[in-house]
Every structure is written in structure tokens, then in C-alpha cells.
Amino acid sequence: MSATMFSPASAPAADARPGRVAAFWEKAKAVLAERATTTELAELDPRLLRDIGVAPEQARAYVTRELWDMHA
């Protein structure tokens, strides 16, 4: 049995994680702002939703997505 040794060369750069965390929070803030302005989407009349090609179920699903569900 061979043990895997930690190598500083294999560790991520110390400044890589803060950059990724900052990028995540920037994206999260943008997603929250966008979703805050689209809550009215779920309240639109089904006829108006059909006019823009969105089913009422799709509108509700979009507005109620969890924060970590940030993909398009």
C-alpha cells in the first residue's frame, strides 16, 4: 500500500480560492437581483405568459429556483 504524500506544488494557489469565492458572490448577487425583478413574471395572467411563450408552470419554477441553481 502506498501513501499519497501532500506536495505543495499540487496545492491550489493561496489566492485562487478567494478569487473564486468573490466571483461566486458577485454572480449570486446578480442572480438574486435578477430574480427579485422577475417575481412579477409568476403573477402574470396565463394569456400574457402565452404571448411571450412561457407556461405558467415555467414562470413559477423560474421564480422559485434556489440560489445555488444559478445556471441559465
C-alpha atoms as a PDB file:
ATOM      1  CA  MET A   1       0.000   0.000   0.000  1.00  0.00           C
ATOM      2  CA  SER A   2       1.460   3.331  -0.954  1.00  0.00           C
ATOM      3  CA  ALA A   3       0.525   6.549   0.781  1.00  0.00           C
ATOM      4  CA  THR A   4      -0.069   9.656  -1.251  1.00  0.00           C
ATOM      5  CA  MET A   5       2.083  12.439   0.042  1.00  0.00           C
ATOM      6  CA  PHE A   6       0.972  16.041   0.089  1.00  0.00           C
ATOM      7  CA  SER A   7       3.000  18.165  -2.221  1.00  0.00           C
ATOM      8  CA  PRO A   8       2.881  21.965  -2.013  1.00  0.00           C
ATOM      9  CA  ALA A   9       3.210  22.022  -5.789  1.00  0.00           C
ATOM     10  CA  SER A  10      -0.095  20.142  -6.112  1.00  0.00           C
ATOM     11  CA  ALA A  11      -1.973  22.513  -3.801  1.00  0.00           C
ATOM     12  CA  PRO A  12      -4.049  25.286  -5.350  1.00  0.00           C
ATOM     13  CA  ALA A  13      -2.555  28.732  -5.240  1.00  0.00           C
ATOM     14  CA  ALA A  14      -3.375  30.518  -1.998  1.00  0.00           C
ATOM     15  CA  ASP A  15      -5.018  33.394  -3.832  1.00  0.00           C
ATOM     16  CA  ALA A  16      -7.111  31.191  -6.161  1.00  0.00           C
ATOM     17  CA  ARG A  17      -9.826  30.419  -3.617  1.00  0.00           C
ATOM     18  CA  PRO A  18     -10.610  33.990  -2.562  1.00  0.00           C
ATOM     19  CA  GLY A  19     -10.972  34.889  -6.224  1.00  0.00           C
ATOM     20  CA  ARG A  20     -13.404  32.051  -6.825  1.00  0.00           C
ATOM     21  CA  VAL A  21     -15.381  32.924  -3.703  1.00  0.00           C
ATOM     22  CA  ALA A  22     -15.568  36.565  -4.747  1.00  0.00           C
ATOM     23  CA  ALA A  23     -16.682  35.549  -8.247  1.00  0.00           C
ATOM     24  CA  PHE A  24     -19.367  33.261  -6.784  1.00  0.00           C
ATOM     25  CA  TRP A  25     -20.747  36.046  -4.566  1.00  0.00           C
ATOM     26  CA  GLU A  26     -20.771  38.524  -7.444  1.00  0.00           C
ATOM     27  CA  LYS A  27     -22.740  36.061  -9.558  1.00  0.00           C
ATOM     28  CA  ALA A  28     -25.037  35.240  -6.623  1.00  0.00           C
ATOM     29  CA  LYS A  29     -25.805  38.940  -6.092  1.00  0.00           C
ATOM     30  CA  ALA A  30     -26.596  39.342  -9.781  1.00  0.00           C
ATOM     31  CA  VAL A  31     -28.859  36.275  -9.773  1.00  0.00           C
ATOM     32  CA  LEU A  32     -30.707  37.493  -6.675  1.00  0.00           C
ATOM     33  CA  ALA A  33     -31.204  40.928  -8.215  1.00  0.00           C
ATOM     34  CA  GLU A  34     -32.496  39.425 -11.452  1.00  0.00           C
ATOM     35  CA  ARG A  35     -34.870  37.073  -9.667  1.00  0.00           C
ATOM     36  CA  ALA A  36     -36.154  39.879  -7.457  1.00  0.00           C
ATOM     37  CA  THR A  37     -37.217  41.771 -10.565  1.00  0.00           C
ATOM     38  CA  THR A  38     -38.793  38.708 -12.174  1.00  0.00           C
ATOM     39  CA  THR A  39     -41.108  37.722  -9.313  1.00  0.00           C
ATOM     40  CA  GLU A  40     -43.826  39.562 -11.195  1.00  0.00           C
ATOM     41  CA  LEU A  41     -43.406  37.046 -14.004  1.00  0.00           C
ATOM     42  CA  ALA A  42     -45.170  34.348 -11.976  1.00  0.00           C
ATOM     43  CA  GLU A  43     -48.045  36.731 -11.306  1.00  0.00           C
ATOM     44  CA  LEU A  44     -48.774  37.498 -14.956  1.00  0.00           C
ATOM     45  CA  ASP A  45     -52.044  36.368 -16.466  1.00  0.00           C
ATOM     46  CA  PRO A  46     -51.664  32.996 -18.274  1.00  0.00           C
ATOM     47  CA  ARG A  47     -52.739  34.694 -21.509  1.00  0.00           C
ATOM     48  CA  LEU A  48     -49.906  37.207 -21.222  1.00  0.00           C
ATOM     49  CA  LEU A  49     -47.444  34.441 -20.422  1.00  0.00           C
ATOM     50  CA  ARG A  50     -48.556  32.562 -23.546  1.00  0.00           C
ATOM     51  CA  ASP A  51     -47.946  35.742 -25.558  1.00  0.00           C
ATOM     52  CA  ILE A  52     -44.284  35.653 -24.542  1.00  0.00           C
ATOM     53  CA  GLY A  53     -44.032  31.869 -24.934  1.00  0.00           C
ATOM     54  CA  VAL A  54     -43.869  30.933 -21.243  1.00  0.00           C
ATOM     55  CA  ALA A  55     -46.148  28.465 -19.474  1.00  0.00           C
ATOM     56  CA  PRO A  56     -47.381  29.466 -16.006  1.00  0.00           C
ATOM     57  CA  GLU A  57     -45.573  26.455 -14.545  1.00  0.00           C
ATOM     58  CA  GLN A  58     -42.313  27.582 -16.141  1.00  0.00           C
ATOM     59  CA  ALA A  59     -42.692  31.079 -14.699  1.00  0.00           C
ATOM     60  CA  ARG A  60     -43.318  29.750 -11.184  1.00  0.00           C
ATOM     61  CA  ALA A  61     -40.428  27.299 -11.471  1.00  0.00           C
ATOM     62  CA  TYR A  62     -38.036  30.052 -12.554  1.00  0.00           C
ATOM     63  CA  VAL A  63     -39.003  32.450  -9.796  1.00  0.00           C
ATOM     64  CA  THR A  64     -38.770  29.828  -7.037  1.00  0.00           C
ATOM     65  CA  ARG A  65     -35.384  28.385  -8.020  1.00  0.00           C
ATOM     66  CA  GLU A  66     -32.860  28.050  -5.214  1.00  0.00           C
ATOM     67  CA  LEU A  67     -29.883  30.396  -5.134  1.00  0.00           C
ATOM     68  CA  TRP A  68     -27.384  27.632  -5.893  1.00  0.00           C
ATOM     69  CA  ASP A  69     -29.330  26.827  -9.071  1.00  0.00           C
ATOM     70  CA  MET A  70     -27.614  29.632 -10.991  1.00  0.00           C
ATOM     71  CA  HIS A  71     -27.273  28.129 -14.434  1.00  0.00           C
ATOM     72  CA  ALA A  72     -29.281  29.668 -17.244  1.00  0.00           C
END
